Amino acid sequence: MLFHGNPAEIEFVASDANDLQAEWYIEQFGGGVMVLDPRVSGRTFISANDLPEYEDLEFVSRAEGHKTCYRNL
């Protein structure tokens, strides 16, 4: 994926309240995605409510073996 034009990854998707890594993000923001962009911002959390308006997030491929991926809607 590209984030602000730079190669990046979705580190995790906060959508399952039983996932300890995602629990806090779900409680605070209603879920979302953590983007890992080591060249510019490091880690950026984008809340589920903000995803549709986030223009700097572009899906370009998925890692082999991953069944799901995120694409800016």
PDB file of N, CA and C in Angstrom:
ATOM      1  N   MET A   1       0.835  -1.170   0.000  1.00  0.00           N
ATOM      2  CA  MET A   1       0.000   0.000   0.000  1.00  0.00           C
ATOM      3  C   MET A   1       0.882   1.236   0.000  1.00  0.00           C
ATOM      4  N   LEU A   2       0.301   2.338  -0.346  1.00  0.00           N
ATOM      5  CA  LEU A   2       0.990   3.625  -0.290  1.00  0.00           C
ATOM      6  C   LEU A   2       0.274   4.507   0.721  1.00  0.00           C
ATOM      7  N   PHE A   3       1.066   5.220   1.505  1.00  0.00           N
ATOM      8  CA  PHE A   3       0.536   6.150   2.488  1.00  0.00           C
ATOM      9  C   PHE A   3       1.299   7.446   2.317  1.00  0.00           C
ATOM     10  N   HIS A   4       0.624   8.495   1.917  1.00  0.00           N
ATOM     11  CA  HIS A   4       1.265   9.774   1.562  1.00  0.00           C
ATOM     12  C   HIS A   4       2.300   9.561   0.461  1.00  0.00           C
ATOM     13  N   GLY A   5       2.024   8.605  -0.440  1.00  0.00           N
ATOM     14  CA  GLY A   5       2.920   8.333  -1.556  1.00  0.00           C
ATOM     15  C   GLY A   5       4.094   7.442  -1.235  1.00  0.00           C
ATOM     16  N   ASN A   6       4.221   6.975   0.001  1.00  0.00           N
ATOM     17  CA  ASN A   6       5.339   6.132   0.418  1.00  0.00           C
ATOM     18  C   ASN A   6       4.880   4.699   0.649  1.00  0.00           C
ATOM     19  N   PRO A   7       5.749   3.710   0.399  1.00  0.00           N
ATOM     20  CA  PRO A   7       5.394   2.327   0.700  1.00  0.00           C
ATOM     21  C   PRO A   7       5.089   2.186   2.191  1.00  0.00           C
ATOM     22  N   ALA A   8       4.015   1.477   2.505  1.00  0.00           N
ATOM     23  CA  ALA A   8       3.599   1.293   3.893  1.00  0.00           C
ATOM     24  C   ALA A   8       2.859  -0.030   4.025  1.00  0.00           C
ATOM     25  N   GLU A   9       2.550  -0.405   5.265  1.00  0.00           N
ATOM     26  CA  GLU A   9       1.824  -1.637   5.550  1.00  0.00           C
ATOM     27  C   GLU A   9       0.707  -1.347   6.535  1.00  0.00           C
ATOM     28  N   ILE A  10      -0.332  -2.167   6.492  1.00  0.00           N
ATOM     29  CA  ILE A  10      -1.318  -2.159   7.554  1.00  0.00           C
ATOM     30  C   ILE A  10      -0.758  -3.063   8.632  1.00  0.00           C
ATOM     31  N   GLU A  11      -0.437  -2.501   9.789  1.00  0.00           N
ATOM     32  CA  GLU A  11       0.140  -3.297  10.873  1.00  0.00           C
ATOM     33  C   GLU A  11      -0.927  -4.152  11.543  1.00  0.00           C
ATOM     34  N   PHE A  12      -2.103  -3.561  11.792  1.00  0.00           N
ATOM     35  CA  PHE A  12      -3.228  -4.341  12.283  1.00  0.00           C
ATOM     36  C   PHE A  12      -4.525  -3.595  12.019  1.00  0.00           C
ATOM     37  N   VAL A  13      -5.600  -4.372  12.001  1.00  0.00           N
ATOM     38  CA  VAL A  13      -6.945  -3.830  11.842  1.00  0.00           C
ATOM     39  C   VAL A  13      -7.638  -3.982  13.182  1.00  0.00           C
ATOM     40  N   ALA A  14      -8.123  -2.891  13.732  1.00  0.00           N
ATOM     41  CA  ALA A  14      -8.826  -2.918  15.025  1.00  0.00           C
ATOM     42  C   ALA A  14     -10.314  -3.078  14.759  1.00  0.00           C
ATOM     43  N   SER A  15     -10.756  -4.340  14.765  1.00  0.00           N
ATOM     44  CA  SER A  15     -12.178  -4.594  14.504  1.00  0.00           C
ATOM     45  C   SER A  15     -12.752  -5.670  15.419  1.00  0.00           C
ATOM     46  N   ASP A  16     -11.895  -6.375  16.147  1.00  0.00           N
ATOM     47  CA  ASP A  16     -12.340  -7.459  17.013  1.00  0.00           C
ATOM     48  C   ASP A  16     -12.030  -7.095  18.459  1.00  0.00           C
ATOM     49  N   ALA A  17     -13.055  -6.854  19.259  1.00  0.00           N
ATOM     50  CA  ALA A  17     -12.872  -6.446  20.661  1.00  0.00           C
ATOM     51  C   ALA A  17     -12.178  -7.518  21.484  1.00  0.00           C
ATOM     52  N   ASN A  18     -12.130  -8.749  21.004  1.00  0.00           N
ATOM     53  CA  ASN A  18     -11.443  -9.823  21.725  1.00  0.00           C
ATOM     54  C   ASN A  18      -9.953  -9.848  21.434  1.00  0.00           C
ATOM     55  N   ASP A  19      -9.499  -9.066  20.482  1.00  0.00           N
ATOM     56  CA  ASP A  19      -8.078  -8.957  20.142  1.00  0.00           C
ATOM     57  C   ASP A  19      -7.451  -7.938  21.084  1.00  0.00           C
ATOM     58  N   LEU A  20      -6.543  -8.384  21.943  1.00  0.00           N
ATOM     59  CA  LEU A  20      -5.962  -7.491  22.954  1.00  0.00           C
ATOM     60  C   LEU A  20      -5.224  -6.308  22.337  1.00  0.00           C
ATOM     61  N   GLN A  21      -4.603  -6.503  21.187  1.00  0.00           N
ATOM     62  CA  GLN A  21      -3.882  -5.419  20.518  1.00  0.00           C
ATOM     63  C   GLN A  21      -4.849  -4.337  20.041  1.00  0.00           C
ATOM     64  N   ALA A  22      -6.060  -4.727  19.671  1.00  0.00           N
ATOM     65  CA  ALA A  22      -7.025  -3.796  19.094  1.00  0.00           C
ATOM     66  C   ALA A  22      -8.021  -3.238  20.100  1.00  0.00           C
ATOM     67  N   GLU A  23      -8.160  -3.856  21.253  1.00  0.00           N
ATOM     68  CA  GLU A  23      -9.208  -3.507  22.212  1.00  0.00           C
ATOM     69  C   GLU A  23      -9.256  -2.015  22.537  1.00  0.00           C
ATOM     70  N   TRP A  24      -8.127  -1.414  22.871  1.00  0.00           N
ATOM     71  CA  TRP A  24      -8.100   0.002  23.254  1.00  0.00           C
ATOM     72  C   TRP A  24      -8.557   0.891  22.105  1.00  0.00           C
ATOM     73  N   TYR A  25      -8.095   0.584  20.887  1.00  0.00           N
ATOM     74  CA  TYR A  25      -8.457   1.387  19.714  1.00  0.00           C
ATOM     75  C   TYR A  25      -9.953   1.291  19.415  1.00  0.00           C
ATOM     76  N   ILE A  26     -10.538   0.150  19.660  1.00  0.00           N
ATOM     77  CA  ILE A  26     -11.975  -0.012  19.457  1.00  0.00           C
ATOM     78  C   ILE A  26     -12.747   0.796  20.486  1.00  0.00           C
ATOM     79  N   GLU A  27     -12.305   0.740  21.743  1.00  0.00           N
ATOM     80  CA  GLU A  27     -12.976   1.507  22.799  1.00  0.00           C
ATOM     81  C   GLU A  27     -12.864   3.013  22.564  1.00  0.00           C
ATOM     82  N   GLN A  28     -11.696   3.477  22.128  1.00  0.00           N
ATOM     83  CA  GLN A  28     -11.455   4.911  21.968  1.00  0.00           C
ATOM     84  C   GLN A  28     -11.998   5.477  20.658  1.00  0.00           C
ATOM     85  N   PHE A  29     -11.884   4.709  19.579  1.00  0.00           N
ATOM     86  CA  PHE A  29     -12.164   5.244  18.247  1.00  0.00           C
ATOM     87  C   PHE A  29     -13.207   4.464  17.456  1.00  0.00           C
ATOM     88  N   GLY A  30     -13.702   3.373  17.994  1.00  0.00           N
ATOM     89  CA  GLY A  30     -14.651   2.551  17.262  1.00  0.00           C
ATOM     90  C   GLY A  30     -13.990   1.665  16.220  1.00  0.00           C
ATOM     91  N   GLY A  31     -12.701   1.457  16.352  1.00  0.00           N
ATOM     92  CA  GLY A  31     -11.952   0.627  15.417  1.00  0.00           C
ATOM     93  C   GLY A  31     -11.212   1.460  14.393  1.00  0.00           C
ATOM     94  N   GLY A  32     -10.523   0.768  13.479  1.00  0.00           N
ATOM     95  CA  GLY A  32      -9.742   1.431  12.448  1.00  0.00           C
ATOM     96  C   GLY A  32      -8.545   0.601  12.054  1.00  0.00           C
ATOM     97  N   VAL A  33      -7.531   1.244  11.511  1.00  0.00           N
ATOM     98  CA  VAL A  33      -6.317   0.546  11.076  1.00  0.00           C
ATOM     99  C   VAL A  33      -5.078   1.281  11.556  1.00  0.00           C
ATOM    100  N   MET A  34      -4.030   0.504  11.872  1.00  0.00           N
ATOM    101  CA  MET A  34      -2.723   1.065  12.208  1.00  0.00           C
ATOM    102  C   MET A  34      -1.849   0.917  10.971  1.00  0.00           C
ATOM    103  N   VAL A  35      -1.379   2.043  10.450  1.00  0.00           N
ATOM    104  CA  VAL A  35      -0.532   2.061   9.264  1.00  0.00           C
ATOM    105  C   VAL A  35       0.916   2.219   9.708  1.00  0.00           C
ATOM    106  N   LEU A  36       1.787   1.374   9.171  1.00  0.00           N
ATOM    107  CA  LEU A  36       3.220   1.445   9.448  1.00  0.00           C
ATOM    108  C   LEU A  36       3.902   2.047   8.231  1.00  0.00           C
ATOM    109  N   ASP A  37       4.414   3.260   8.396  1.00  0.00           N
ATOM    110  CA  ASP A  37       5.104   3.999   7.332  1.00  0.00           C
ATOM    111  C   ASP A  37       6.466   4.424   7.872  1.00  0.00           C
ATOM    112  N   PRO A  38       7.474   3.549   7.776  1.00  0.00           N
ATOM    113  CA  PRO A  38       8.769   3.840   8.398  1.00  0.00           C
ATOM    114  C   PRO A  38       9.528   5.021   7.802  1.00  0.00           C
ATOM    115  N   ARG A  39       9.202   5.431   6.585  1.00  0.00           N
ATOM    116  CA  ARG A  39       9.951   6.517   5.950  1.00  0.00           C
ATOM    117  C   ARG A  39       9.527   7.902   6.420  1.00  0.00           C
ATOM    118  N   VAL A  40       8.259   8.058   6.827  1.00  0.00           N
ATOM    119  CA  VAL A  40       7.781   9.397   7.153  1.00  0.00           C
ATOM    120  C   VAL A  40       7.233   9.490   8.571  1.00  0.00           C
ATOM    121  N   SER A  41       6.118   8.827   8.821  1.00  0.00           N
ATOM    122  CA  SER A  41       5.423   9.051  10.086  1.00  0.00           C
ATOM    123  C   SER A  41       5.570   7.939  11.106  1.00  0.00           C
ATOM    124  N   GLY A  42       6.189   6.838  10.759  1.00  0.00           N
ATOM    125  CA  GLY A  42       6.256   5.714  11.685  1.00  0.00           C
ATOM    126  C   GLY A  42       4.915   5.006  11.706  1.00  0.00           C
ATOM    127  N   ARG A  43       4.212   5.117  12.811  1.00  0.00           N
ATOM    128  CA  ARG A  43       2.889   4.497  12.927  1.00  0.00           C
ATOM    129  C   ARG A  43       1.820   5.580  12.996  1.00  0.00           C
ATOM    130  N   THR A  44       0.727   5.362  12.260  1.00  0.00           N
ATOM    131  CA  THR A  44      -0.406   6.279  12.255  1.00  0.00           C
ATOM    132  C   THR A  44      -1.678   5.453  12.384  1.00  0.00           C
ATOM    133  N   PHE A  45      -2.494   5.775  13.388  1.00  0.00           N
ATOM    134  CA  PHE A  45      -3.782   5.101  13.513  1.00  0.00           C
ATOM    135  C   PHE A  45      -4.836   5.945  12.817  1.00  0.00           C
ATOM    136  N   ILE A  46      -5.630   5.300  11.958  1.00  0.00           N
ATOM    137  CA  ILE A  46      -6.721   5.973  11.264  1.00  0.00           C
ATOM    138  C   ILE A  46      -8.012   5.331  11.750  1.00  0.00           C
ATOM    139  N   SER A  47      -8.850   6.121  12.382  1.00  0.00           N
ATOM    140  CA  SER A  47     -10.095   5.580  12.937  1.00  0.00           C
ATOM    141  C   SER A  47     -11.044   5.151  11.827  1.00  0.00           C
ATOM    142  N   ALA A  48     -11.937   4.232  12.166  1.00  0.00           N
ATOM    143  CA  ALA A  48     -12.902   3.720  11.199  1.00  0.00           C
ATOM    144  C   ALA A  48     -13.736   4.844  10.606  1.00  0.00           C
ATOM    145  N   ASN A  49     -14.085   5.835  11.399  1.00  0.00           N
ATOM    146  CA  ASN A  49     -14.897   6.954  10.910  1.00  0.00           C
ATOM    147  C   ASN A  49     -14.146   7.819   9.900  1.00  0.00           C
ATOM    148  N   ASP A  50     -12.827   7.891  10.015  1.00  0.00           N
ATOM    149  CA  ASP A  50     -12.030   8.735   9.131  1.00  0.00           C
ATOM    150  C   ASP A  50     -11.588   8.040   7.845  1.00  0.00           C
ATOM    151  N   LEU A  51     -11.667   6.723   7.793  1.00  0.00           N
ATOM    152  CA  LEU A  51     -11.171   5.987   6.629  1.00  0.00           C
ATOM    153  C   LEU A  51     -11.770   6.437   5.295  1.00  0.00           C
ATOM    154  N   PRO A  52     -13.073   6.630   5.192  1.00  0.00           N
ATOM    155  CA  PRO A  52     -13.625   7.017   3.882  1.00  0.00           C
ATOM    156  C   PRO A  52     -13.100   8.356   3.354  1.00  0.00           C
ATOM    157  N   GLU A  53     -12.655   9.220   4.243  1.00  0.00           N
ATOM    158  CA  GLU A  53     -12.190  10.543   3.826  1.00  0.00           C
ATOM    159  C   GLU A  53     -10.672  10.633   3.709  1.00  0.00           C
ATOM    160  N   TYR A  54      -9.966   9.537   3.993  1.00  0.00           N
ATOM    161  CA  TYR A  54      -8.513   9.556   4.003  1.00  0.00           C
ATOM    162  C   TYR A  54      -7.990   9.328   2.595  1.00  0.00           C
ATOM    163  N   GLU A  55      -7.610  10.383   1.905  1.00  0.00           N
ATOM    164  CA  GLU A  55      -7.193  10.305   0.514  1.00  0.00           C
ATOM    165  C   GLU A  55      -5.753   9.841   0.334  1.00  0.00           C
ATOM    166  N   ASP A  56      -4.945   9.878   1.394  1.00  0.00           N
ATOM    167  CA  ASP A  56      -3.532   9.531   1.267  1.00  0.00           C
ATOM    168  C   ASP A  56      -3.252   8.055   1.519  1.00  0.00           C
ATOM    169  N   LEU A  57      -4.265   7.220   1.456  1.00  0.00           N
ATOM    170  CA  LEU A  57      -4.138   5.787   1.680  1.00  0.00           C
ATOM    171  C   LEU A  57      -4.552   5.071   0.406  1.00  0.00           C
ATOM    172  N   GLU A  58      -3.606   4.333  -0.208  1.00  0.00           N
ATOM    173  CA  GLU A  58      -3.885   3.684  -1.480  1.00  0.00           C
ATOM    174  C   GLU A  58      -3.426   2.231  -1.442  1.00  0.00           C
ATOM    175  N   PHE A  59      -4.342   1.320  -1.695  1.00  0.00           N
ATOM    176  CA  PHE A  59      -4.025  -0.100  -1.744  1.00  0.00           C
ATOM    177  C   PHE A  59      -3.340  -0.400  -3.067  1.00  0.00           C
ATOM    178  N   VAL A  60      -2.193  -1.100  -3.016  1.00  0.00           N
ATOM    179  CA  VAL A  60      -1.518  -1.483  -4.248  1.00  0.00           C
ATOM    180  C   VAL A  60      -1.271  -2.984  -4.336  1.00  0.00           C
ATOM    181  N   SER A  61      -1.201  -3.684  -3.216  1.00  0.00           N
ATOM    182  CA  SER A  61      -1.024  -5.139  -3.216  1.00  0.00           C
ATOM    183  C   SER A  61      -1.211  -5.665  -1.807  1.00  0.00           C
ATOM    184  N   ARG A  62      -1.211  -6.981  -1.691  1.00  0.00           N
ATOM    185  CA  ARG A  62      -1.279  -7.590  -0.366  1.00  0.00           C
ATOM    186  C   ARG A  62      -0.152  -8.600  -0.237  1.00  0.00           C
ATOM    187  N   ALA A  63       0.273  -8.821   0.998  1.00  0.00           N
ATOM    188  CA  ALA A  63       1.335  -9.781   1.249  1.00  0.00           C
ATOM    189  C   ALA A  63       0.831 -11.186   0.945  1.00  0.00           C
ATOM    190  N   GLU A  64       1.691 -12.031   0.442  1.00  0.00           N
ATOM    191  CA  GLU A  64       1.306 -13.397   0.131  1.00  0.00           C
ATOM    192  C   GLU A  64       0.842 -14.110   1.389  1.00  0.00           C
ATOM    193  N   GLY A  65      -0.242 -14.843   1.270  1.00  0.00           N
ATOM    194  CA  GLY A  65      -0.769 -15.584   2.406  1.00  0.00           C
ATOM    195  C   GLY A  65      -1.841 -14.844   3.186  1.00  0.00           C
ATOM    196  N   HIS A  66      -2.004 -13.553   2.942  1.00  0.00           N
ATOM    197  CA  HIS A  66      -3.035 -12.783   3.619  1.00  0.00           C
ATOM    198  C   HIS A  66      -4.345 -12.908   2.854  1.00  0.00           C
ATOM    199  N   LYS A  67      -5.408 -13.248   3.552  1.00  0.00           N
ATOM    200  CA  LYS A  67      -6.703 -13.417   2.914  1.00  0.00           C
ATOM    201  C   LYS A  67      -7.497 -12.136   2.853  1.00  0.00           C
ATOM    202  N   THR A  68      -7.192 -11.202   3.738  1.00  0.00           N
ATOM    203  CA  THR A  68      -7.932  -9.953   3.739  1.00  0.00           C
ATOM    204  C   THR A  68      -6.967  -8.804   3.549  1.00  0.00           C
ATOM    205  N   CYS A  69      -7.476  -7.706   3.075  1.00  0.00           N
ATOM    206  CA  CYS A  69      -6.669  -6.512   2.885  1.00  0.00           C
ATOM    207  C   CYS A  69      -7.576  -5.307   3.021  1.00  0.00           C
ATOM    208  N   TYR A  70      -6.984  -4.158   3.193  1.00  0.00           N
ATOM    209  CA  TYR A  70      -7.751  -2.923   3.318  1.00  0.00           C
ATOM    210  C   TYR A  70      -7.610  -2.130   2.042  1.00  0.00           C
ATOM    211  N   ARG A  71      -8.687  -1.533   1.649  1.00  0.00           N
ATOM    212  CA  ARG A  71      -8.654  -0.610   0.524  1.00  0.00           C
ATOM    213  C   ARG A  71      -9.466   0.621   0.903  1.00  0.00           C
ATOM    214  N   ASN A  72      -8.941   1.784   0.643  1.00  0.00           N
ATOM    215  CA  ASN A  72      -9.662   3.009   0.964  1.00  0.00           C
ATOM    216  C   ASN A  72     -10.977   3.020   0.211  1.00  0.00           C
ATOM    217  N   LEU A  73     -12.070   3.191   0.930  1.00  0.00           N
ATOM    218  CA  LEU A  73     -13.400   3.129   0.316  1.00  0.00           C
ATOM    219  C   LEU A  73     -13.886   4.496  -0.103  1.00  0.00           C
TER     220      LEU A  73
END
